[in-house]
Amino acid sequence: MTVEHSTEKSFPANRVASGPFDESEVSSVKPYIDLGAIKLTPREGLNMRLEVEEGTGRVVAVALDFNGSTLQVQPFSASRSHGMWHEIRAQIADQIGNQGGTVTEFTGVLGPELLCKVPALADGQQVFQDARFIGVDGPRWFLRGVMAGPAVTDVEQGKAMIELFRDLVVVRGQSPIPPGELLPMHVPAQASGADV
């Protein structure tokens, strides 16, 4: 499958009002869990795991477990004028296709998304896992999400995960970070390993 290459920004028309938000667009009064480049609103039943790079100890992704599904999110630096989601989507589609998986592109509430069957090994046997890739280009940042579990194919569960994604706040900061670099994240001060 061929996904179109474009440097246009990809985001829902109501992003500023409905998220995902830039730090400049939200009130600091709301109780957020501060992960550095991402701020997260606590909610009942939501469990958070930080994915840490071996060797460096750098936080490379945040995995949000909710209602039996998982949403993994990563914030990246981006240029003010060019978007990244069209190019990244094409790379994901190529990579999964080359591994023998399948990719279907469709338009959701956030814009273009990918619904994929990704090859994986389970007990030495090749299986295919469902995954749904979402992305939004913001001002000087790009936020990518990957859903796994029932939310990939179940409409109601999918809606709940999109709401979770749209509730996130991206803190780009003023540091000069090249486009495509992961924005720095950290363990929250109030981390206890429990539900958030």
N, C-alpha and C. Protein backbone atom coordinates (compact mmCIF):
# COMPACT_ATOMS: atom_id res chain seq x y z
N MET A 1 0.84 -1.19 0.00
CA MET A 1 0.00 0.00 0.00
C MET A 1 0.88 1.25 0.00
N THR A 2 0.51 2.23 -0.79
CA THR A 2 1.28 3.47 -0.85
C THR A 2 0.55 4.57 -0.09
N VAL A 3 1.27 5.20 0.83
CA VAL A 3 0.71 6.33 1.57
C VAL A 3 1.35 7.59 1.02
N GLU A 4 0.53 8.60 0.77
CA GLU A 4 1.00 9.83 0.14
C GLU A 4 2.01 10.56 1.04
N HIS A 5 3.09 11.08 0.42
CA HIS A 5 4.09 11.89 1.12
C HIS A 5 3.67 13.35 1.02
N SER A 6 3.69 14.05 2.13
CA SER A 6 3.34 15.46 2.13
C SER A 6 3.96 16.11 3.35
N THR A 7 4.28 17.40 3.25
CA THR A 7 4.83 18.09 4.42
C THR A 7 3.77 18.98 5.06
N GLU A 8 2.50 18.84 4.59
CA GLU A 8 1.43 19.60 5.22
C GLU A 8 1.18 19.07 6.62
N LYS A 9 0.75 19.97 7.50
CA LYS A 9 0.41 19.53 8.84
C LYS A 9 -0.93 18.78 8.81
N SER A 10 -1.05 17.76 9.65
CA SER A 10 -2.27 16.96 9.73
C SER A 10 -2.81 17.06 11.16
N PHE A 11 -4.00 17.62 11.29
CA PHE A 11 -4.60 17.76 12.62
C PHE A 11 -6.10 17.97 12.47
N PRO A 12 -6.89 17.62 13.49
CA PRO A 12 -8.32 17.86 13.39
C PRO A 12 -8.62 19.36 13.44
N ALA A 13 -9.65 19.80 12.75
CA ALA A 13 -9.98 21.22 12.67
C ALA A 13 -10.24 21.83 14.05
N ASN A 14 -10.71 21.00 15.00
CA ASN A 14 -11.03 21.50 16.33
C ASN A 14 -9.93 21.19 17.36
N ARG A 15 -8.69 21.01 16.90
CA ARG A 15 -7.61 20.61 17.82
C ARG A 15 -7.43 21.59 18.97
N VAL A 16 -7.44 22.89 18.70
CA VAL A 16 -7.20 23.88 19.75
C VAL A 16 -8.25 23.77 20.86
N ALA A 17 -9.51 23.48 20.46
CA ALA A 17 -10.60 23.38 21.44
C ALA A 17 -10.68 22.00 22.09
N SER A 18 -10.34 20.94 21.32
CA SER A 18 -10.59 19.58 21.79
C SER A 18 -9.34 18.72 21.94
N GLY A 19 -8.15 19.25 21.61
CA GLY A 19 -6.92 18.51 21.82
C GLY A 19 -6.57 17.57 20.67
N PRO A 20 -5.35 16.98 20.80
CA PRO A 20 -4.37 17.18 21.87
C PRO A 20 -3.89 18.63 21.90
N PHE A 21 -3.56 19.09 23.11
CA PHE A 21 -3.32 20.51 23.34
C PHE A 21 -1.84 20.86 23.39
N ASP A 22 -1.56 22.10 23.03
CA ASP A 22 -0.26 22.68 23.30
C ASP A 22 -0.34 23.28 24.71
N GLU A 23 0.78 23.30 25.39
CA GLU A 23 0.82 23.83 26.76
C GLU A 23 0.21 25.23 26.84
N SER A 24 0.39 26.03 25.79
CA SER A 24 -0.11 27.41 25.79
C SER A 24 -1.63 27.49 25.72
N GLU A 25 -2.29 26.35 25.44
CA GLU A 25 -3.74 26.36 25.21
C GLU A 25 -4.56 25.88 26.41
N VAL A 26 -3.90 25.53 27.50
CA VAL A 26 -4.63 24.98 28.65
C VAL A 26 -4.37 25.78 29.91
N SER A 27 -5.29 25.64 30.85
CA SER A 27 -5.15 26.31 32.14
C SER A 27 -4.22 25.49 33.03
N SER A 28 -3.41 26.16 33.81
CA SER A 28 -2.49 25.45 34.72
C SER A 28 -3.21 25.03 36.00
N VAL A 29 -4.49 25.40 36.13
CA VAL A 29 -5.25 25.09 37.34
C VAL A 29 -5.61 23.60 37.38
N LYS A 30 -5.84 23.00 36.23
CA LYS A 30 -6.26 21.60 36.15
C LYS A 30 -5.17 20.69 36.74
N PRO A 31 -5.54 19.62 37.47
CA PRO A 31 -4.51 18.73 38.02
C PRO A 31 -3.93 17.81 36.94
N TYR A 32 -2.70 18.03 36.57
CA TYR A 32 -2.05 17.19 35.57
C TYR A 32 -0.94 16.37 36.20
N ILE A 33 -0.67 15.22 35.61
CA ILE A 33 0.53 14.45 35.95
C ILE A 33 1.60 14.91 34.96
N ASP A 34 2.70 15.42 35.49
CA ASP A 34 3.74 16.03 34.67
C ASP A 34 4.80 14.99 34.31
N LEU A 35 4.88 14.68 33.01
CA LEU A 35 5.86 13.71 32.51
C LEU A 35 6.94 14.42 31.67
N GLY A 36 7.04 15.73 31.82
CA GLY A 36 7.99 16.49 31.00
C GLY A 36 7.29 17.00 29.76
N ALA A 37 7.55 16.36 28.62
CA ALA A 37 6.97 16.82 27.35
C ALA A 37 5.49 16.48 27.22
N ILE A 38 4.98 15.65 28.13
CA ILE A 38 3.55 15.31 28.11
C ILE A 38 2.97 15.56 29.49
N LYS A 39 1.77 16.16 29.50
CA LYS A 39 1.00 16.27 30.74
C LYS A 39 -0.27 15.47 30.54
N LEU A 40 -0.65 14.76 31.59
CA LEU A 40 -1.72 13.78 31.52
C LEU A 40 -2.74 14.07 32.61
N THR A 41 -4.02 14.04 32.25
CA THR A 41 -5.07 14.21 33.25
C THR A 41 -5.34 12.87 33.93
N PRO A 42 -5.28 12.81 35.27
CA PRO A 42 -5.59 11.53 35.94
C PRO A 42 -7.06 11.17 35.72
N ARG A 43 -7.33 9.89 35.59
CA ARG A 43 -8.73 9.43 35.53
C ARG A 43 -8.82 8.03 36.11
N GLU A 44 -9.98 7.71 36.63
CA GLU A 44 -10.17 6.42 37.28
C GLU A 44 -10.00 5.28 36.29
N GLY A 45 -9.28 4.25 36.70
CA GLY A 45 -9.09 3.07 35.85
C GLY A 45 -7.94 3.19 34.87
N LEU A 46 -7.27 4.35 34.86
CA LEU A 46 -6.14 4.55 33.94
C LEU A 46 -4.84 4.18 34.63
N ASN A 47 -4.07 3.32 34.00
CA ASN A 47 -2.77 2.91 34.53
C ASN A 47 -1.70 3.34 33.53
N MET A 48 -0.60 3.88 34.05
CA MET A 48 0.45 4.42 33.18
C MET A 48 1.75 3.65 33.39
N ARG A 49 2.42 3.34 32.27
CA ARG A 49 3.75 2.73 32.33
C ARG A 49 4.69 3.57 31.48
N LEU A 50 5.88 3.80 31.99
CA LEU A 50 6.88 4.52 31.20
C LEU A 50 7.80 3.50 30.56
N GLU A 51 8.04 3.64 29.25
CA GLU A 51 8.95 2.73 28.54
C GLU A 51 10.31 3.41 28.49
N VAL A 52 11.30 2.72 29.07
CA VAL A 52 12.62 3.31 29.28
C VAL A 52 13.65 2.58 28.41
N GLU A 53 14.52 3.36 27.76
CA GLU A 53 15.57 2.82 26.90
C GLU A 53 16.65 2.19 27.77
N GLU A 54 17.01 0.94 27.42
CA GLU A 54 18.08 0.27 28.17
C GLU A 54 19.39 1.01 27.94
N GLY A 55 20.21 1.05 28.98
CA GLY A 55 21.51 1.71 28.85
C GLY A 55 21.46 3.18 29.21
N THR A 56 20.57 3.94 28.54
CA THR A 56 20.54 5.38 28.79
C THR A 56 19.57 5.75 29.91
N GLY A 57 18.57 4.90 30.14
CA GLY A 57 17.56 5.22 31.15
C GLY A 57 16.59 6.30 30.69
N ARG A 58 16.65 6.65 29.39
CA ARG A 58 15.80 7.71 28.85
C ARG A 58 14.37 7.18 28.65
N VAL A 59 13.39 7.96 29.07
CA VAL A 59 11.99 7.61 28.84
C VAL A 59 11.70 7.85 27.36
N VAL A 60 11.27 6.79 26.64
CA VAL A 60 11.06 6.91 25.19
C VAL A 60 9.59 6.84 24.79
N ALA A 61 8.72 6.41 25.70
CA ALA A 61 7.28 6.35 25.40
C ALA A 61 6.50 6.24 26.69
N VAL A 62 5.23 6.62 26.61
CA VAL A 62 4.32 6.46 27.73
C VAL A 62 3.22 5.51 27.26
N ALA A 63 2.99 4.43 28.02
CA ALA A 63 1.93 3.48 27.69
C ALA A 63 0.79 3.69 28.67
N LEU A 64 -0.39 3.94 28.14
CA LEU A 64 -1.58 4.17 28.95
C LEU A 64 -2.51 2.97 28.80
N ASP A 65 -2.75 2.27 29.90
CA ASP A 65 -3.64 1.10 29.90
C ASP A 65 -5.00 1.54 30.41
N PHE A 66 -6.05 1.30 29.61
CA PHE A 66 -7.38 1.76 29.98
C PHE A 66 -8.42 0.81 29.38
N ASN A 67 -9.30 0.28 30.21
CA ASN A 67 -10.38 -0.62 29.76
C ASN A 67 -9.87 -1.81 28.95
N GLY A 68 -8.72 -2.36 29.31
CA GLY A 68 -8.20 -3.55 28.64
C GLY A 68 -7.45 -3.29 27.36
N SER A 69 -7.29 -2.02 26.98
CA SER A 69 -6.52 -1.66 25.79
C SER A 69 -5.34 -0.78 26.20
N THR A 70 -4.39 -0.63 25.29
CA THR A 70 -3.20 0.18 25.57
C THR A 70 -3.04 1.23 24.49
N LEU A 71 -2.68 2.44 24.91
CA LEU A 71 -2.34 3.52 23.99
C LEU A 71 -0.92 3.95 24.33
N GLN A 72 0.00 3.75 23.38
CA GLN A 72 1.38 4.19 23.58
C GLN A 72 1.55 5.53 22.88
N VAL A 73 2.09 6.52 23.60
CA VAL A 73 2.25 7.84 23.00
C VAL A 73 3.70 8.31 23.05
N GLN A 74 4.07 9.08 22.02
CA GLN A 74 5.42 9.66 21.93
C GLN A 74 5.32 11.07 21.35
N PRO A 75 5.91 12.07 22.02
CA PRO A 75 5.93 13.43 21.50
C PRO A 75 7.26 13.74 20.81
N PHE A 76 7.20 14.34 19.64
CA PHE A 76 8.42 14.67 18.89
C PHE A 76 8.49 16.16 18.61
N SER A 77 9.71 16.66 18.47
CA SER A 77 9.91 18.03 18.02
C SER A 77 9.56 18.11 16.54
N ALA A 78 9.02 19.25 16.13
CA ALA A 78 8.69 19.45 14.71
C ALA A 78 8.93 20.90 14.35
N SER A 79 8.98 21.17 13.06
CA SER A 79 9.18 22.56 12.64
C SER A 79 7.85 23.30 12.73
N ARG A 80 7.93 24.61 12.73
CA ARG A 80 6.72 25.43 12.84
C ARG A 80 5.85 25.28 11.60
N SER A 81 6.49 25.11 10.42
CA SER A 81 5.75 25.17 9.16
C SER A 81 5.43 23.82 8.54
N HIS A 82 6.20 22.78 8.86
CA HIS A 82 5.99 21.48 8.20
C HIS A 82 5.47 20.43 9.18
N GLY A 83 4.56 19.60 8.66
CA GLY A 83 4.04 18.50 9.45
C GLY A 83 4.89 17.24 9.26
N MET A 84 4.69 16.26 10.15
CA MET A 84 5.45 15.01 10.09
C MET A 84 4.58 13.78 9.88
N TRP A 85 3.27 13.88 10.15
CA TRP A 85 2.44 12.69 10.19
C TRP A 85 2.34 12.00 8.83
N HIS A 86 2.28 12.76 7.74
CA HIS A 86 2.16 12.11 6.43
C HIS A 86 3.40 11.26 6.13
N GLU A 87 4.58 11.80 6.43
CA GLU A 87 5.83 11.07 6.17
C GLU A 87 5.98 9.88 7.11
N ILE A 88 5.67 10.07 8.38
CA ILE A 88 5.80 8.98 9.36
C ILE A 88 4.82 7.85 9.03
N ARG A 89 3.60 8.21 8.61
CA ARG A 89 2.61 7.21 8.23
C ARG A 89 3.12 6.36 7.08
N ALA A 90 3.75 7.00 6.10
CA ALA A 90 4.29 6.27 4.95
C ALA A 90 5.39 5.31 5.40
N GLN A 91 6.24 5.76 6.34
CA GLN A 91 7.32 4.90 6.85
C GLN A 91 6.76 3.69 7.59
N ILE A 92 5.72 3.93 8.42
CA ILE A 92 5.09 2.83 9.17
C ILE A 92 4.49 1.82 8.19
N ALA A 93 3.77 2.31 7.19
CA ALA A 93 3.12 1.44 6.20
C ALA A 93 4.16 0.59 5.46
N ASP A 94 5.27 1.23 5.05
CA ASP A 94 6.34 0.49 4.36
C ASP A 94 6.94 -0.59 5.25
N GLN A 95 7.23 -0.20 6.49
CA GLN A 95 7.89 -1.13 7.43
C GLN A 95 7.01 -2.35 7.71
N ILE A 96 5.73 -2.12 7.98
CA ILE A 96 4.83 -3.23 8.29
C ILE A 96 4.60 -4.09 7.05
N GLY A 97 4.46 -3.44 5.89
CA GLY A 97 4.30 -4.18 4.64
C GLY A 97 5.50 -5.05 4.34
N ASN A 98 6.70 -4.52 4.58
CA ASN A 98 7.94 -5.29 4.34
C ASN A 98 8.07 -6.47 5.28
N GLN A 99 7.43 -6.39 6.45
CA GLN A 99 7.49 -7.50 7.41
C GLN A 99 6.42 -8.56 7.14
N GLY A 100 5.57 -8.28 6.13
CA GLY A 100 4.52 -9.24 5.78
C GLY A 100 3.18 -8.93 6.43
N GLY A 101 3.07 -7.75 7.04
CA GLY A 101 1.81 -7.34 7.66
C GLY A 101 0.92 -6.64 6.65
N THR A 102 -0.26 -6.23 7.11
CA THR A 102 -1.18 -5.51 6.24
C THR A 102 -1.49 -4.13 6.83
N VAL A 103 -1.74 -3.18 5.95
CA VAL A 103 -1.99 -1.79 6.36
C VAL A 103 -3.19 -1.26 5.60
N THR A 104 -4.14 -0.68 6.32
CA THR A 104 -5.30 -0.02 5.71
C THR A 104 -5.32 1.41 6.22
N GLU A 105 -5.38 2.36 5.29
CA GLU A 105 -5.47 3.76 5.72
C GLU A 105 -6.93 4.18 5.68
N PHE A 106 -7.35 4.93 6.70
CA PHE A 106 -8.71 5.48 6.71
C PHE A 106 -8.68 6.83 7.41
N THR A 107 -9.76 7.56 7.30
CA THR A 107 -9.85 8.88 7.94
C THR A 107 -10.72 8.79 9.17
N GLY A 108 -10.15 9.13 10.31
CA GLY A 108 -10.88 9.15 11.57
C GLY A 108 -11.09 10.58 12.03
N VAL A 109 -11.50 10.76 13.28
CA VAL A 109 -11.78 12.11 13.79
C VAL A 109 -10.52 12.96 13.88
N LEU A 110 -9.36 12.33 13.96
CA LEU A 110 -8.10 13.08 14.03
C LEU A 110 -7.51 13.36 12.66
N GLY A 111 -8.06 12.70 11.63
CA GLY A 111 -7.47 12.79 10.30
C GLY A 111 -7.07 11.40 9.84
N PRO A 112 -6.03 11.29 8.99
CA PRO A 112 -5.63 9.97 8.49
C PRO A 112 -5.08 9.08 9.59
N GLU A 113 -5.48 7.80 9.56
CA GLU A 113 -5.00 6.81 10.53
C GLU A 113 -4.61 5.54 9.76
N LEU A 114 -3.88 4.67 10.44
CA LEU A 114 -3.53 3.37 9.87
C LEU A 114 -4.07 2.26 10.75
N LEU A 115 -4.76 1.31 10.13
CA LEU A 115 -5.21 0.11 10.81
C LEU A 115 -4.35 -1.02 10.28
N CYS A 116 -3.62 -1.69 11.18
CA CYS A 116 -2.59 -2.64 10.72
C CYS A 116 -2.73 -3.99 11.39
N LYS A 117 -2.26 -5.00 10.67
CA LYS A 117 -2.02 -6.32 11.26
C LYS A 117 -0.51 -6.50 11.23
N VAL A 118 0.07 -6.48 12.42
CA VAL A 118 1.53 -6.48 12.56
C VAL A 118 2.01 -7.89 12.91
N PRO A 119 2.96 -8.45 12.13
CA PRO A 119 3.46 -9.78 12.46
C PRO A 119 4.25 -9.77 13.77
N ALA A 120 4.03 -10.83 14.57
CA ALA A 120 4.74 -10.97 15.85
C ALA A 120 4.90 -12.45 16.14
N LEU A 121 5.76 -12.77 17.09
CA LEU A 121 5.96 -14.16 17.48
C LEU A 121 5.28 -14.43 18.82
N ALA A 122 4.53 -15.52 18.89
CA ALA A 122 3.91 -15.95 20.14
C ALA A 122 4.15 -17.45 20.27
N ASP A 123 4.89 -17.83 21.29
CA ASP A 123 5.24 -19.25 21.51
C ASP A 123 5.89 -19.86 20.26
N GLY A 124 6.75 -19.09 19.62
CA GLY A 124 7.48 -19.58 18.45
C GLY A 124 6.68 -19.58 17.16
N GLN A 125 5.41 -19.20 17.23
CA GLN A 125 4.55 -19.17 16.04
C GLN A 125 4.34 -17.73 15.60
N GLN A 126 4.29 -17.52 14.28
CA GLN A 126 3.99 -16.17 13.81
C GLN A 126 2.49 -15.91 13.91
N VAL A 127 2.17 -14.79 14.55
CA VAL A 127 0.77 -14.37 14.66
C VAL A 127 0.69 -12.92 14.17
N PHE A 128 -0.51 -12.44 14.02
CA PHE A 128 -0.69 -11.04 13.61
C PHE A 128 -1.45 -10.30 14.70
N GLN A 129 -0.89 -9.18 15.13
CA GLN A 129 -1.54 -8.38 16.15
C GLN A 129 -2.14 -7.13 15.51
N ASP A 130 -3.36 -6.80 15.95
CA ASP A 130 -4.01 -5.58 15.45
C ASP A 130 -3.38 -4.36 16.10
N ALA A 131 -3.13 -3.32 15.33
CA ALA A 131 -2.61 -2.06 15.85
C ALA A 131 -3.23 -0.91 15.06
N ARG A 132 -3.47 0.19 15.75
CA ARG A 132 -4.04 1.38 15.11
C ARG A 132 -3.13 2.56 15.41
N PHE A 133 -2.61 3.18 14.35
CA PHE A 133 -1.67 4.29 14.48
C PHE A 133 -2.40 5.61 14.25
N ILE A 134 -2.23 6.55 15.19
CA ILE A 134 -2.83 7.87 15.07
C ILE A 134 -1.73 8.92 15.25
N GLY A 135 -1.97 10.11 14.71
CA GLY A 135 -0.96 11.16 14.85
C GLY A 135 -1.56 12.53 14.63
N VAL A 136 -1.00 13.52 15.32
CA VAL A 136 -1.45 14.90 15.18
C VAL A 136 -0.24 15.82 15.15
N ASP A 137 -0.21 16.70 14.15
CA ASP A 137 0.83 17.73 14.07
C ASP A 137 0.34 18.96 14.83
N GLY A 138 1.12 19.37 15.83
CA GLY A 138 0.79 20.57 16.59
C GLY A 138 1.76 21.69 16.25
N PRO A 139 1.71 22.80 17.02
CA PRO A 139 2.68 23.88 16.79
C PRO A 139 4.06 23.47 17.31
N ARG A 140 5.00 23.20 16.42
CA ARG A 140 6.38 22.83 16.75
C ARG A 140 6.49 21.48 17.46
N TRP A 141 5.45 20.64 17.37
CA TRP A 141 5.53 19.28 17.89
C TRP A 141 4.63 18.35 17.08
N PHE A 142 4.90 17.06 17.23
CA PHE A 142 4.09 16.01 16.61
C PHE A 142 3.84 14.95 17.69
N LEU A 143 2.61 14.52 17.83
CA LEU A 143 2.25 13.51 18.83
C LEU A 143 1.75 12.26 18.11
N ARG A 144 2.42 11.14 18.40
CA ARG A 144 2.06 9.87 17.77
C ARG A 144 1.46 8.94 18.80
N GLY A 145 0.44 8.20 18.41
CA GLY A 145 -0.16 7.20 19.29
C GLY A 145 -0.31 5.88 18.57
N VAL A 146 -0.18 4.78 19.34
CA VAL A 146 -0.41 3.44 18.81
C VAL A 146 -1.34 2.71 19.77
N MET A 147 -2.47 2.26 19.26
CA MET A 147 -3.42 1.50 20.08
C MET A 147 -3.22 0.01 19.87
N ALA A 148 -3.40 -0.74 20.97
CA ALA A 148 -3.39 -2.19 20.91
C ALA A 148 -4.51 -2.69 21.82
N GLY A 149 -5.03 -3.87 21.51
CA GLY A 149 -6.13 -4.42 22.32
C GLY A 149 -7.47 -4.19 21.66
N PRO A 150 -8.56 -4.38 22.42
CA PRO A 150 -9.91 -4.28 21.86
C PRO A 150 -10.21 -2.93 21.21
N ALA A 151 -9.55 -1.84 21.66
CA ALA A 151 -9.83 -0.50 21.13
C ALA A 151 -9.50 -0.38 19.64
N VAL A 152 -8.68 -1.28 19.12
CA VAL A 152 -8.31 -1.21 17.70
C VAL A 152 -9.53 -1.48 16.82
N THR A 153 -10.37 -2.44 17.22
CA THR A 153 -11.48 -2.84 16.37
C THR A 153 -12.86 -2.52 16.97
N ASP A 154 -12.93 -2.29 18.28
CA ASP A 154 -14.20 -1.99 18.93
C ASP A 154 -14.45 -0.48 18.89
N VAL A 155 -15.56 -0.07 18.32
CA VAL A 155 -15.83 1.36 18.09
C VAL A 155 -15.86 2.15 19.39
N GLU A 156 -16.61 1.66 20.39
CA GLU A 156 -16.74 2.41 21.64
C GLU A 156 -15.41 2.50 22.38
N GLN A 157 -14.68 1.39 22.43
CA GLN A 157 -13.38 1.40 23.11
C GLN A 157 -12.40 2.31 22.36
N GLY A 158 -12.50 2.30 21.04
CA GLY A 158 -11.65 3.16 20.23
C GLY A 158 -11.91 4.63 20.53
N LYS A 159 -13.19 4.99 20.68
CA LYS A 159 -13.57 6.37 21.02
C LYS A 159 -12.96 6.79 22.35
N ALA A 160 -12.99 5.88 23.34
CA ALA A 160 -12.45 6.19 24.66
C ALA A 160 -10.95 6.45 24.58
N MET A 161 -10.24 5.68 23.74
CA MET A 161 -8.79 5.88 23.61
C MET A 161 -8.48 7.17 22.85
N ILE A 162 -9.31 7.52 21.87
CA ILE A 162 -9.12 8.79 21.16
C ILE A 162 -9.32 9.96 22.13
N GLU A 163 -10.33 9.84 23.01
CA GLU A 163 -10.56 10.88 24.02
C GLU A 163 -9.35 11.03 24.93
N LEU A 164 -8.77 9.90 25.31
CA LEU A 164 -7.57 9.90 26.15
C LEU A 164 -6.42 10.61 25.43
N PHE A 165 -6.25 10.31 24.16
CA PHE A 165 -5.19 10.92 23.34
C PHE A 165 -5.42 12.43 23.23
N ARG A 166 -6.68 12.81 23.02
CA ARG A 166 -7.00 14.23 22.82
C ARG A 166 -6.90 15.03 24.11
N ASP A 167 -6.90 14.35 25.23
CA ASP A 167 -6.81 15.02 26.53
C ASP A 167 -5.36 15.35 26.90
N LEU A 168 -4.40 14.83 26.13
CA LEU A 168 -2.99 15.05 26.46
C LEU A 168 -2.57 16.48 26.13
N VAL A 169 -1.59 16.95 26.90
CA VAL A 169 -1.00 18.28 26.67
C VAL A 169 0.46 18.07 26.33
N VAL A 170 0.92 18.67 25.23
CA VAL A 170 2.32 18.56 24.84
C VAL A 170 3.05 19.83 25.27
N VAL A 171 4.17 19.64 25.99
CA VAL A 171 5.01 20.75 26.44
C VAL A 171 6.27 20.73 25.58
N ARG A 172 6.32 21.60 24.56
CA ARG A 172 7.44 21.61 23.62
C ARG A 172 8.69 22.23 24.25
N GLY A 173 8.49 23.27 25.09
CA GLY A 173 9.65 23.96 25.67
C GLY A 173 10.32 24.85 24.63
N GLN A 174 11.31 25.62 25.08
CA GLN A 174 11.98 26.57 24.19
C GLN A 174 13.33 26.08 23.68
N SER A 175 13.79 24.92 24.17
CA SER A 175 15.11 24.41 23.75
C SER A 175 15.13 24.13 22.25
N PRO A 176 16.27 24.41 21.58
CA PRO A 176 16.36 24.07 20.16
C PRO A 176 16.55 22.56 20.00
N ILE A 177 15.52 21.89 19.53
CA ILE A 177 15.56 20.43 19.32
C ILE A 177 15.24 20.17 17.86
N PRO A 178 16.11 19.43 17.13
CA PRO A 178 15.86 19.19 15.71
C PRO A 178 14.53 18.48 15.47
N PRO A 179 13.82 18.81 14.39
CA PRO A 179 12.58 18.11 14.05
C PRO A 179 12.80 16.60 13.98
N GLY A 180 11.86 15.85 14.52
CA GLY A 180 11.96 14.39 14.51
C GLY A 180 12.59 13.81 15.76
N GLU A 181 13.20 14.67 16.61
CA GLU A 181 13.78 14.18 17.87
C GLU A 181 12.67 14.02 18.91
N LEU A 182 12.79 12.96 19.70
CA LEU A 182 11.86 12.73 20.79
C LEU A 182 12.00 13.85 21.82
N LEU A 183 10.88 14.40 22.26
CA LEU A 183 10.94 15.44 23.29
C LEU A 183 11.21 14.79 24.64
N PRO A 184 11.98 15.45 25.53
CA PRO A 184 12.38 14.81 26.79
C PRO A 184 11.21 14.60 27.74
N MET A 185 11.12 13.36 28.22
CA MET A 185 10.10 12.99 29.22
C MET A 185 10.81 12.50 30.47
N HIS A 186 10.08 12.49 31.58
CA HIS A 186 10.66 12.02 32.83
C HIS A 186 9.60 11.36 33.71
N VAL A 187 10.06 10.65 34.72
CA VAL A 187 9.16 10.03 35.69
C VAL A 187 8.50 11.16 36.49
N PRO A 188 7.18 11.12 36.68
CA PRO A 188 6.53 12.19 37.43
C PRO A 188 6.93 12.19 38.89
N ALA A 189 6.94 13.35 39.49
CA ALA A 189 7.35 13.49 40.90
C ALA A 189 6.46 12.66 41.80
N GLN A 190 5.16 12.55 41.44
CA GLN A 190 4.22 11.82 42.31
C GLN A 190 4.10 10.35 41.94
N ALA A 191 5.06 9.83 41.16
CA ALA A 191 4.96 8.43 40.70
C ALA A 191 5.02 7.48 41.88
N SER A 192 4.09 6.52 41.87
CA SER A 192 4.07 5.51 42.93
C SER A 192 3.93 4.12 42.35
N GLY A 193 3.80 4.05 41.01
CA GLY A 193 3.63 2.75 40.37
C GLY A 193 2.17 2.30 40.39
N ALA A 194 1.30 3.13 40.98
CA ALA A 194 -0.11 2.76 41.08
C ALA A 194 -0.88 3.38 39.92
N ASP A 195 -2.20 3.20 39.98
CA ASP A 195 -3.05 3.83 38.96
C ASP A 195 -2.87 5.33 38.98
N VAL A 196 -3.01 5.94 37.83
CA VAL A 196 -2.98 7.39 37.77
C VAL A 196 -4.42 7.86 37.60
